[in-house]
PDB file of N, CA and C in Angstrom:
ATOM      1  N   MET A   1     137.361 185.269 164.495  1.00  0.00           N
ATOM      2  CA  MET A   1     136.909 186.972 165.208  1.00  0.00           C
ATOM      3  C   MET A   1     136.669 187.913 164.115  1.00  0.00           C
ATOM      4  N   TYR A   2     135.715 188.705 164.587  1.00  0.00           N
ATOM      5  CA  TYR A   2     135.512 189.848 163.657  1.00  0.00           C
ATOM      6  C   TYR A   2     135.043 191.066 164.625  1.00  0.00           C
ATOM      7  N   PHE A   3     135.346 192.251 164.088  1.00  0.00           N
ATOM      8  CA  PHE A   3     134.740 193.392 164.531  1.00  0.00           C
ATOM      9  C   PHE A   3     133.700 193.761 164.068  1.00  0.00           C
ATOM     10  N   SER A   4     133.039 194.752 164.723  1.00  0.00           N
ATOM     11  CA  SER A   4     131.799 195.515 164.377  1.00  0.00           C
ATOM     12  C   SER A   4     132.058 196.949 165.072  1.00  0.00           C
ATOM     13  N   VAL A   5     131.563 197.832 164.111  1.00  0.00           N
ATOM     14  CA  VAL A   5     131.670 199.149 164.408  1.00  0.00           C
ATOM     15  C   VAL A   5     130.188 199.701 164.400  1.00  0.00           C
ATOM     16  N   GLY A   6     129.667 200.354 165.242  1.00  0.00           N
ATOM     17  CA  GLY A   6     128.255 200.971 164.973  1.00  0.00           C
ATOM     18  C   GLY A   6     127.925 201.744 166.090  1.00  0.00           C
ATOM     19  N   ASN A   7     126.591 201.890 166.361  1.00  0.00           N
ATOM     20  CA  ASN A   7     126.014 202.563 167.612  1.00  0.00           C
ATOM     21  C   ASN A   7     125.536 201.967 168.741  1.00  0.00           C
ATOM     22  N   THR A   8     125.746 202.454 169.919  1.00  0.00           N
ATOM     23  CA  THR A   8     125.099 201.644 171.183  1.00  0.00           C
ATOM     24  C   THR A   8     123.645 202.013 171.060  1.00  0.00           C
ATOM     25  N   LYS A   9     122.746 201.291 172.045  1.00  0.00           N
ATOM     26  CA  LYS A   9     121.452 201.642 172.247  1.00  0.00           C
ATOM     27  C   LYS A   9     121.184 203.261 172.511  1.00  0.00           C
ATOM     28  N   GLY A  10     122.204 204.001 172.984  1.00  0.00           N
ATOM     29  CA  GLY A  10     122.126 205.248 173.019  1.00  0.00           C
ATOM     30  C   GLY A  10     122.256 206.200 172.037  1.00  0.00           C
ATOM     31  N   GLY A  11     122.915 205.427 170.949  1.00  0.00           N
ATOM     32  CA  GLY A  11     123.304 206.255 169.411  1.00  0.00           C
ATOM     33  C   GLY A  11     124.428 206.574 169.335  1.00  0.00           C
ATOM     34  N   GLN A  12     125.578 206.187 170.204  1.00  0.00           N
ATOM     35  CA  GLN A  12     126.697 206.958 170.289  1.00  0.00           C
ATOM     36  C   GLN A  12     127.647 205.768 169.761  1.00  0.00           C
ATOM     37  N   PRO A  13     128.504 206.222 168.851  1.00  0.00           N
ATOM     38  CA  PRO A  13     129.503 204.981 168.075  1.00  0.00           C
ATOM     39  C   PRO A  13     130.483 204.238 169.084  1.00  0.00           C
ATOM     40  N   SER A  14     130.714 202.996 168.909  1.00  0.00           N
ATOM     41  CA  SER A  14     131.633 202.127 169.811  1.00  0.00           C
ATOM     42  C   SER A  14     132.094 201.053 168.666  1.00  0.00           C
ATOM     43  N   TRP A  15     132.852 200.275 169.359  1.00  0.00           N
ATOM     44  CA  TRP A  15     133.111 198.943 168.467  1.00  0.00           C
ATOM     45  C   TRP A  15     133.002 197.604 169.295  1.00  0.00           C
ATOM     46  N   TRP A  16     132.851 196.543 168.876  1.00  0.00           N
ATOM     47  CA  TRP A  16     132.855 195.295 169.644  1.00  0.00           C
ATOM     48  C   TRP A  16     133.503 194.324 168.731  1.00  0.00           C
ATOM     49  N   LEU A  17     134.162 193.209 169.487  1.00  0.00           N
ATOM     50  CA  LEU A  17     134.778 192.143 168.812  1.00  0.00           C
ATOM     51  C   LEU A  17     134.042 190.885 169.054  1.00  0.00           C
ATOM     52  N   TYR A  18     133.830 190.039 168.238  1.00  0.00           N
ATOM     53  CA  TYR A  18     133.046 189.036 168.328  1.00  0.00           C
ATOM     54  C   TYR A  18     133.858 187.762 167.942  1.00  0.00           C
ATOM     55  N   GLY A  19     133.657 186.595 168.702  1.00  0.00           N
ATOM     56  CA  GLY A  19     134.246 185.401 168.591  1.00  0.00           C
ATOM     57  C   GLY A  19     133.533 184.492 167.316  1.00  0.00           C
ATOM     58  N   ASN A  20     134.320 183.797 166.937  1.00  0.00           N
ATOM     59  CA  ASN A  20     133.756 182.643 165.679  1.00  0.00           C
ATOM     60  C   ASN A  20     132.352 182.352 166.018  1.00  0.00           C
ATOM     61  N   ASN A  21     131.800 182.091 167.228  1.00  0.00           N
ATOM     62  CA  ASN A  21     130.682 181.720 167.627  1.00  0.00           C
ATOM     63  C   ASN A  21     129.715 182.694 167.916  1.00  0.00           C
ATOM     64  N   HIS A  22     129.852 184.050 167.421  1.00  0.00           N
ATOM     65  CA  HIS A  22     129.050 185.121 167.337  1.00  0.00           C
ATOM     66  C   HIS A  22     128.869 185.890 168.796  1.00  0.00           C
ATOM     67  N   GLU A  23     129.576 185.387 169.781  1.00  0.00           N
ATOM     68  CA  GLU A  23     129.559 185.839 171.056  1.00  0.00           C
ATOM     69  C   GLU A  23     130.520 187.248 171.343  1.00  0.00           C
ATOM     70  N   MET A  24     130.313 188.163 171.926  1.00  0.00           N
ATOM     71  CA  MET A  24     130.956 189.296 171.965  1.00  0.00           C
ATOM     72  C   MET A  24     132.060 188.978 172.985  1.00  0.00           C
ATOM     73  N   VAL A  25     133.415 189.226 172.768  1.00  0.00           N
ATOM     74  CA  VAL A  25     134.532 188.891 173.601  1.00  0.00           C
ATOM     75  C   VAL A  25     134.955 190.195 174.027  1.00  0.00           C
ATOM     76  N   ALA A  26     134.794 191.295 173.419  1.00  0.00           N
ATOM     77  CA  ALA A  26     135.474 192.428 173.597  1.00  0.00           C
ATOM     78  C   ALA A  26     134.715 193.584 173.261  1.00  0.00           C
ATOM     79  N   TRP A  27     134.835 194.763 173.768  1.00  0.00           N
ATOM     80  CA  TRP A  27     134.325 196.202 173.455  1.00  0.00           C
ATOM     81  C   TRP A  27     135.250 197.214 173.612  1.00  0.00           C
ATOM     82  N   ALA A  28     135.037 198.374 172.939  1.00  0.00           N
ATOM     83  CA  ALA A  28     135.872 199.591 173.361  1.00  0.00           C
ATOM     84  C   ALA A  28     136.015 199.973 174.796  1.00  0.00           C
ATOM     85  N   GLY A  29     134.901 199.668 175.455  1.00  0.00           N
ATOM     86  CA  GLY A  29     135.076 200.117 176.733  1.00  0.00           C
ATOM     87  C   GLY A  29     134.578 201.668 176.919  1.00  0.00           C
ATOM     88  N   GLU A  30     134.226 202.156 175.865  1.00  0.00           N
ATOM     89  CA  GLU A  30     133.841 203.536 175.792  1.00  0.00           C
ATOM     90  C   GLU A  30     133.038 203.975 174.366  1.00  0.00           C
ATOM     91  N   THR A  31     132.566 205.034 174.497  1.00  0.00           N
ATOM     92  CA  THR A  31     131.759 205.583 173.012  1.00  0.00           C
ATOM     93  C   THR A  31     132.940 206.731 172.412  1.00  0.00           C
ATOM     94  N   PHE A  32     132.610 207.010 171.070  1.00  0.00           N
ATOM     95  CA  PHE A  32     133.343 207.884 170.430  1.00  0.00           C
ATOM     96  C   PHE A  32     132.458 209.006 169.894  1.00  0.00           C
ATOM     97  N   ALA A  33     133.114 210.244 169.568  1.00  0.00           N
ATOM     98  CA  ALA A  33     132.579 211.332 168.767  1.00  0.00           C
ATOM     99  C   ALA A  33     131.862 211.031 167.662  1.00  0.00           C
ATOM    100  N   SER A  34     132.552 209.879 166.861  1.00  0.00           N
ATOM    101  CA  SER A  34     131.862 209.637 165.307  1.00  0.00           C
ATOM    102  C   SER A  34     132.459 208.177 165.191  1.00  0.00           C
ATOM    103  N   THR A  35     131.607 207.704 164.213  1.00  0.00           N
ATOM    104  CA  THR A  35     131.883 206.523 163.639  1.00  0.00           C
ATOM    105  C   THR A  35     133.297 206.265 163.129  1.00  0.00           C
ATOM    106  N   TYR A  36     133.746 207.359 162.489  1.00  0.00           N
ATOM    107  CA  TYR A  36     135.160 207.205 162.174  1.00  0.00           C
ATOM    108  C   TYR A  36     136.244 207.075 163.250  1.00  0.00           C
ATOM    109  N   ASN A  37     136.042 207.809 164.375  1.00  0.00           N
ATOM    110  CA  ASN A  37     136.847 207.808 165.387  1.00  0.00           C
ATOM    111  C   ASN A  37     136.815 206.098 165.970  1.00  0.00           C
ATOM    112  N   ALA A  38     135.636 205.776 166.242  1.00  0.00           N
ATOM    113  CA  ALA A  38     135.166 204.312 166.752  1.00  0.00           C
ATOM    114  C   ALA A  38     136.249 203.327 165.762  1.00  0.00           C
ATOM    115  N   HIS A  39     135.971 203.421 164.400  1.00  0.00           N
ATOM    116  CA  HIS A  39     136.819 202.695 163.389  1.00  0.00           C
ATOM    117  C   HIS A  39     138.343 202.747 163.871  1.00  0.00           C
ATOM    118  N   ARG A  40     138.720 203.765 163.849  1.00  0.00           N
ATOM    119  CA  ARG A  40     140.162 204.149 163.959  1.00  0.00           C
ATOM    120  C   ARG A  40     140.687 203.340 165.256  1.00  0.00           C
ATOM    121  N   ALA A  41     139.854 203.561 166.418  1.00  0.00           N
ATOM    122  CA  ALA A  41     140.236 202.904 167.656  1.00  0.00           C
ATOM    123  C   ALA A  41     140.197 201.403 167.584  1.00  0.00           C
ATOM    124  N   ALA A  42     139.198 200.758 166.747  1.00  0.00           N
ATOM    125  CA  ALA A  42     139.172 199.468 166.627  1.00  0.00           C
ATOM    126  C   ALA A  42     140.299 198.641 165.909  1.00  0.00           C
ATOM    127  N   GLU A  43     140.821 199.678 164.769  1.00  0.00           N
ATOM    128  CA  GLU A  43     141.869 199.264 164.076  1.00  0.00           C
ATOM    129  C   GLU A  43     143.078 199.318 165.041  1.00  0.00           C
ATOM    130  N   ALA A  44     143.183 200.356 165.863  1.00  0.00           N
ATOM    131  CA  ALA A  44     144.719 200.458 166.518  1.00  0.00           C
ATOM    132  C   ALA A  44     144.438 199.385 167.711  1.00  0.00           C
ATOM    133  N   PHE A  45     143.420 198.877 168.264  1.00  0.00           N
ATOM    134  CA  PHE A  45     143.388 197.693 169.166  1.00  0.00           C
ATOM    135  C   PHE A  45     143.630 196.433 168.432  1.00  0.00           C
ATOM    136  N   ARG A  46     143.277 196.069 166.838  1.00  0.00           N
ATOM    137  CA  ARG A  46     143.613 194.982 166.279  1.00  0.00           C
ATOM    138  C   ARG A  46     144.991 194.990 166.079  1.00  0.00           C
ATOM    139  N   VAL A  47     145.505 195.997 165.686  1.00  0.00           N
ATOM    140  CA  VAL A  47     146.982 196.146 165.297  1.00  0.00           C
ATOM    141  C   VAL A  47     147.705 195.804 166.731  1.00  0.00           C
ATOM    142  N   GLY A  48     147.462 196.320 167.770  1.00  0.00           N
ATOM    143  CA  GLY A  48     148.246 196.288 168.698  1.00  0.00           C
ATOM    144  C   GLY A  48     147.734 195.406 170.130  1.00  0.00           C
ATOM    145  N   ALA A  49     146.511 194.454 169.516  1.00  0.00           N
ATOM    146  CA  ALA A  49     146.016 193.640 170.797  1.00  0.00           C
ATOM    147  C   ALA A  49     147.370 192.702 171.392  1.00  0.00           C
ATOM    148  N   ARG A  50     148.086 192.224 170.399  1.00  0.00           N
ATOM    149  CA  ARG A  50     149.409 191.443 170.936  1.00  0.00           C
ATOM    150  C   ARG A  50     150.229 191.891 171.999  1.00  0.00           C
ATOM    151  N   THR A  51     150.354 193.217 171.826  1.00  0.00           N
ATOM    152  CA  THR A  51     151.389 193.858 172.590  1.00  0.00           C
ATOM    153  C   THR A  51     150.817 194.651 173.845  1.00  0.00           C
ATOM    154  N   ALA A  52     149.386 194.715 173.985  1.00  0.00           N
ATOM    155  CA  ALA A  52     148.718 195.271 175.123  1.00  0.00           C
ATOM    156  C   ALA A  52     149.151 194.580 176.259  1.00  0.00           C
ATOM    157  N   PHE A  53     149.025 195.079 177.728  1.00  0.00           N
ATOM    158  CA  PHE A  53     148.858 194.559 178.706  1.00  0.00           C
ATOM    159  C   PHE A  53     147.286 194.411 179.140  1.00  0.00           C
ATOM    160  N   TYR A  54     147.095 193.223 179.738  1.00  0.00           N
ATOM    161  CA  TYR A  54     145.801 192.605 179.824  1.00  0.00           C
ATOM    162  C   TYR A  54     145.720 192.686 181.592  1.00  0.00           C
ATOM    163  N   ASP A  55     144.872 193.360 181.972  1.00  0.00           N
ATOM    164  CA  ASP A  55     144.779 193.493 183.328  1.00  0.00           C
ATOM    165  C   ASP A  55     143.492 192.703 183.952  1.00  0.00           C
ATOM    166  N   ILE A  56     143.728 191.769 184.723  1.00  0.00           N
ATOM    167  CA  ILE A  56     142.660 190.917 185.291  1.00  0.00           C
ATOM    168  C   ILE A  56     142.282 191.394 186.672  1.00  0.00           C
ATOM    169  N   TYR A  57     141.008 191.809 186.630  1.00  0.00           N
ATOM    170  CA  TYR A  57     140.569 192.388 188.001  1.00  0.00           C
ATOM    171  C   TYR A  57     139.293 191.694 188.569  1.00  0.00           C
ATOM    172  N   GLU A  58     138.856 191.933 189.823  1.00  0.00           N
ATOM    173  CA  GLU A  58     137.550 191.815 190.170  1.00  0.00           C
ATOM    174  C   GLU A  58     136.768 192.735 190.273  1.00  0.00           C
ATOM    175  N   ASP A  59     135.452 192.714 189.650  1.00  0.00           N
ATOM    176  CA  ASP A  59     134.710 193.727 189.565  1.00  0.00           C
ATOM    177  C   ASP A  59     133.991 193.869 191.130  1.00  0.00           C
ATOM    178  N   ALA A  60     132.841 195.006 191.116  1.00  0.00           N
ATOM    179  CA  ALA A  60     132.295 194.980 192.268  1.00  0.00           C
ATOM    180  C   ALA A  60     131.217 193.901 192.738  1.00  0.00           C
ATOM    181  N   GLY A  61     130.869 193.175 191.841  1.00  0.00           N
ATOM    182  CA  GLY A  61     129.959 192.126 192.022  1.00  0.00           C
ATOM    183  C   GLY A  61     130.775 190.929 192.346  1.00  0.00           C
ATOM    184  N   GLY A  62     131.983 190.878 192.434  1.00  0.00           N
ATOM    185  CA  GLY A  62     132.679 189.583 192.804  1.00  0.00           C
ATOM    186  C   GLY A  62     132.948 188.906 191.623  1.00  0.00           C
ATOM    187  N   ASN A  63     132.838 189.317 190.559  1.00  0.00           N
ATOM    188  CA  ASN A  63     133.121 188.473 189.178  1.00  0.00           C
ATOM    189  C   ASN A  63     134.419 189.009 188.635  1.00  0.00           C
ATOM    190  N   TRP A  64     135.117 188.279 187.643  1.00  0.00           N
ATOM    191  CA  TRP A  64     136.194 188.748 187.269  1.00  0.00           C
ATOM    192  C   TRP A  64     136.078 189.338 185.677  1.00  0.00           C
ATOM    193  N   ARG A  65     137.165 189.937 185.223  1.00  0.00           N
ATOM    194  CA  ARG A  65     137.056 190.803 183.815  1.00  0.00           C
ATOM    195  C   ARG A  65     138.308 191.046 183.583  1.00  0.00           C
ATOM    196  N   TRP A  66     138.599 191.233 182.211  1.00  0.00           N
ATOM    197  CA  TRP A  66     139.686 191.881 181.875  1.00  0.00           C
ATOM    198  C   TRP A  66     139.642 193.170 181.119  1.00  0.00           C
ATOM    199  N   ARG A  67     140.764 194.005 181.058  1.00  0.00           N
ATOM    200  CA  ARG A  67     140.935 195.223 180.405  1.00  0.00           C
ATOM    201  C   ARG A  67     142.204 195.416 179.687  1.00  0.00           C
ATOM    202  N   ALA A  68     142.233 195.647 178.693  1.00  0.00           N
ATOM    203  CA  ALA A  68     143.572 195.922 177.984  1.00  0.00           C
ATOM    204  C   ALA A  68     143.969 197.368 177.934  1.00  0.00           C
ATOM    205  N   ILE A  69     145.217 197.559 178.041  1.00  0.00           N
ATOM    206  CA  ILE A  69     145.904 198.905 178.340  1.00  0.00           C
ATOM    207  C   ILE A  69     147.088 198.985 177.411  1.00  0.00           C
ATOM    208  N   ARG A  70     147.163 200.152 176.921  1.00  0.00           N
ATOM    209  CA  ARG A  70     148.475 200.253 175.953  1.00  0.00           C
ATOM    210  C   ARG A  70     148.628 201.820 176.143  1.00  0.00           C
ATOM    211  N   GLY A  71     149.789 202.221 176.248  1.00  0.00           N
ATOM    212  CA  GLY A  71     150.225 203.554 176.508  1.00  0.00           C
ATOM    213  C   GLY A  71     149.727 204.245 177.848  1.00  0.00           C
ATOM    214  N   GLY A  72     149.315 203.390 178.786  1.00  0.00           N
ATOM    215  CA  GLY A  72     148.630 204.058 179.883  1.00  0.00           C
ATOM    216  C   GLY A  72     147.028 204.136 179.776  1.00  0.00           C
ATOM    217  N   ASN A  73     146.581 203.893 178.609  1.00  0.00           N
ATOM    218  CA  ASN A  73     145.078 203.970 178.147  1.00  0.00           C
ATOM    219  C   ASN A  73     144.200 202.899 178.205  1.00  0.00           C
ATOM    220  N   TYR A  74     143.103 202.553 178.846  1.00  0.00           N
ATOM    221  CA  TYR A  74     142.340 201.457 178.417  1.00  0.00           C
ATOM    222  C   TYR A  74     141.690 201.286 177.055  1.00  0.00           C
ATOM    223  N   VAL A  75     142.099 200.577 176.249  1.00  0.00           N
ATOM    224  CA  VAL A  75     141.806 200.362 174.915  1.00  0.00           C
ATOM    225  C   VAL A  75     140.752 199.273 174.620  1.00  0.00           C
ATOM    226  N   ALA A  76     140.497 198.418 175.517  1.00  0.00           N
ATOM    227  CA  ALA A  76     139.280 197.479 175.193  1.00  0.00           C
ATOM    228  C   ALA A  76     139.000 196.690 176.638  1.00  0.00           C
ATOM    229  N   ALA A  77     137.658 196.442 176.752  1.00  0.00           N
ATOM    230  CA  ALA A  77     137.297 195.737 178.144  1.00  0.00           C
ATOM    231  C   ALA A  77     136.602 194.333 177.553  1.00  0.00           C
ATOM    232  N   SER A  78     136.594 193.318 178.436  1.00  0.00           N
ATOM    233  CA  SER A  78     135.779 192.182 178.427  1.00  0.00           C
ATOM    234  C   SER A  78     134.471 192.375 178.002  1.00  0.00           C
ATOM    235  N   GLY A  79     133.943 191.462 177.069  1.00  0.00           N
ATOM    236  CA  GLY A  79     132.615 191.370 176.865  1.00  0.00           C
ATOM    237  C   GLY A  79     131.676 190.837 177.575  1.00  0.00           C
ATOM    238  N   GLU A  80     132.181 190.003 178.816  1.00  0.00           N
ATOM    239  CA  GLU A  80     131.532 189.638 179.868  1.00  0.00           C
ATOM    240  C   GLU A  80     132.349 189.379 181.001  1.00  0.00           C
ATOM    241  N   SER A  81     131.569 188.949 182.158  1.00  0.00           N
ATOM    242  CA  SER A  81     132.236 188.659 183.490  1.00  0.00           C
ATOM    243  C   SER A  81     132.436 187.286 183.654  1.00  0.00           C
ATOM    244  N   PHE A  82     133.421 187.061 184.618  1.00  0.00           N
ATOM    245  CA  PHE A  82     133.741 185.376 184.815  1.00  0.00           C
ATOM    246  C   PHE A  82     133.619 185.072 186.181  1.00  0.00           C
ATOM    247  N   ALA A  83     133.277 183.771 186.364  1.00  0.00           N
ATOM    248  CA  ALA A  83     133.257 183.155 187.724  1.00  0.00           C
ATOM    249  C   ALA A  83     134.656 182.998 188.210  1.00  0.00           C
ATOM    250  N   SER A  84     135.742 182.979 187.487  1.00  0.00           N
ATOM    251  CA  SER A  84     137.197 182.964 188.236  1.00  0.00           C
ATOM    252  C   SER A  84     137.990 183.673 187.349  1.00  0.00           C
ATOM    253  N   LYS A  85     139.011 184.254 188.244  1.00  0.00           N
ATOM    254  CA  LYS A  85     140.101 184.715 187.415  1.00  0.00           C
ATOM    255  C   LYS A  85     140.885 183.876 186.410  1.00  0.00           C
ATOM    256  N   HIS A  86     140.834 182.586 186.525  1.00  0.00           N
ATOM    257  CA  HIS A  86     141.562 181.658 185.493  1.00  0.00           C
ATOM    258  C   HIS A  86     140.948 181.711 184.319  1.00  0.00           C
ATOM    259  N   ASN A  87     139.385 181.716 184.348  1.00  0.00           N
ATOM    260  CA  ASN A  87     138.677 181.978 182.922  1.00  0.00           C
ATOM    261  C   ASN A  87     138.851 183.436 182.471  1.00  0.00           C
ATOM    262  N   ALA A  88     138.802 184.407 183.220  1.00  0.00           N
ATOM    263  CA  ALA A  88     139.119 185.808 182.640  1.00  0.00           C
ATOM    264  C   ALA A  88     140.519 185.882 182.127  1.00  0.00           C
ATOM    265  N   GLN A  89     141.365 185.146 182.549  1.00  0.00           N
ATOM    266  CA  GLN A  89     142.810 185.170 182.052  1.00  0.00           C
ATOM    267  C   GLN A  89     142.834 184.522 180.582  1.00  0.00           C
ATOM    268  N   ARG A  90     142.087 183.335 180.769  1.00  0.00           N
ATOM    269  CA  ARG A  90     141.997 182.671 179.351  1.00  0.00           C
ATOM    270  C   ARG A  90     140.964 183.545 178.448  1.00  0.00           C
ATOM    271  N   ALA A  91     140.351 184.041 178.659  1.00  0.00           N
ATOM    272  CA  ALA A  91     139.516 184.769 177.590  1.00  0.00           C
ATOM    273  C   ALA A  91     140.372 186.220 177.165  1.00  0.00           C
ATOM    274  N   ALA A  92     141.098 186.589 178.021  1.00  0.00           N
ATOM    275  CA  ALA A  92     142.202 187.711 177.733  1.00  0.00           C
ATOM    276  C   ALA A  92     143.180 187.060 176.673  1.00  0.00           C
ATOM    277  N   ASP A  93     143.618 185.963 177.043  1.00  0.00           N
ATOM    278  CA  ASP A  93     144.622 185.272 176.220  1.00  0.00           C
ATOM    279  C   ASP A  93     144.100 185.213 174.833  1.00  0.00           C
ATOM    280  N   ASN A  94     142.856 184.587 174.712  1.00  0.00           N
ATOM    281  CA  ASN A  94     142.346 184.290 173.431  1.00  0.00           C
ATOM    282  C   ASN A  94     142.194 185.765 172.498  1.00  0.00           C
ATOM    283  N   VAL A  95     141.692 186.814 173.205  1.00  0.00           N
ATOM    284  CA  VAL A  95     141.682 188.053 172.569  1.00  0.00           C
ATOM    285  C   VAL A  95     143.184 188.597 172.165  1.00  0.00           C
ATOM    286  N   ARG A  96     144.041 188.457 173.008  1.00  0.00           N
ATOM    287  CA  ARG A  96     145.322 188.810 172.845  1.00  0.00           C
ATOM    288  C   ARG A  96     146.108 188.037 171.477  1.00  0.00           C
ATOM    289  N   ASP A  97     145.684 186.641 171.417  1.00  0.00           N
ATOM    290  CA  ASP A  97     146.141 185.918 170.496  1.00  0.00           C
ATOM    291  C   ASP A  97     145.682 186.057 169.191  1.00  0.00           C
ATOM    292  N   ASN A  98     144.185 186.230 169.114  1.00  0.00           N
ATOM    293  CA  ASN A  98     143.398 186.144 168.013  1.00  0.00           C
ATOM    294  C   ASN A  98     142.957 187.550 167.268  1.00  0.00           C
ATOM    295  N   ALA A  99     142.761 188.712 167.971  1.00  0.00           N
ATOM    296  CA  ALA A  99     142.174 189.994 167.633  1.00  0.00           C
ATOM    297  C   ALA A  99     142.866 190.416 166.579  1.00  0.00           C
ATOM    298  N   GLY A 100     144.297 190.208 166.410  1.00  0.00           N
ATOM    299  CA  GLY A 100     144.830 190.695 165.328  1.00  0.00           C
ATOM    300  C   GLY A 100     144.765 190.146 163.822  1.00  0.00           C
ATOM    301  N   GLY A 101     144.089 188.793 163.790  1.00  0.00           N
ATOM    302  CA  GLY A 101     143.521 188.517 162.812  1.00  0.00           C
ATOM    303  C   GLY A 101     142.075 188.612 162.333  1.00  0.00           C
ATOM    304  N   ALA A 102     141.217 189.508 163.382  1.00  0.00           N
ATOM    305  CA  ALA A 102     139.807 189.526 163.142  1.00  0.00           C
ATOM    306  C   ALA A 102     139.764 190.451 161.976  1.00  0.00           C
ATOM    307  N   THR A 103     138.589 189.963 161.168  1.00  0.00           N
ATOM    308  CA  THR A 103     138.001 190.586 159.967  1.00  0.00           C
ATOM    309  C   THR A 103     136.952 191.876 160.680  1.00  0.00           C
ATOM    310  N   GLY A 104     136.447 192.249 159.460  1.00  0.00           N
ATOM    311  CA  GLY A 104     135.447 193.331 159.666  1.00  0.00           C
ATOM    312  C   GLY A 104     135.734 194.785 159.668  1.00  0.00           C
ATOM    313  N   LEU A 105     137.124 195.224 159.577  1.00  0.00           N
ATOM    314  CA  LEU A 105     137.358 196.655 159.460  1.00  0.00           C
ATOM    315  C   LEU A 105     137.865 197.047 158.161  1.00  0.00           C
TER     316      LEU A 105
END
């Protein structure tokens, strides 16, 4: 896995986490005031991914997603939606288990 910090299409800084297949597996779920802040948030998620709580939920379209929570704050969101709760849980587990070793920061 690897992190990328950059600007959204709207020009605002954020971060993304990609799998080894170059598919996005997570993102910050928000934008930041500066690239520096986006980088700090990505590093904080990398360090704390294993201990975060992963909430698996059904979105308004009936698909399943996950979001990572630390200290009562959302710190990451799934990079895609899933047809089943089981697949969303597997994706969250993959991020939890592997984000700590991600490169790119």
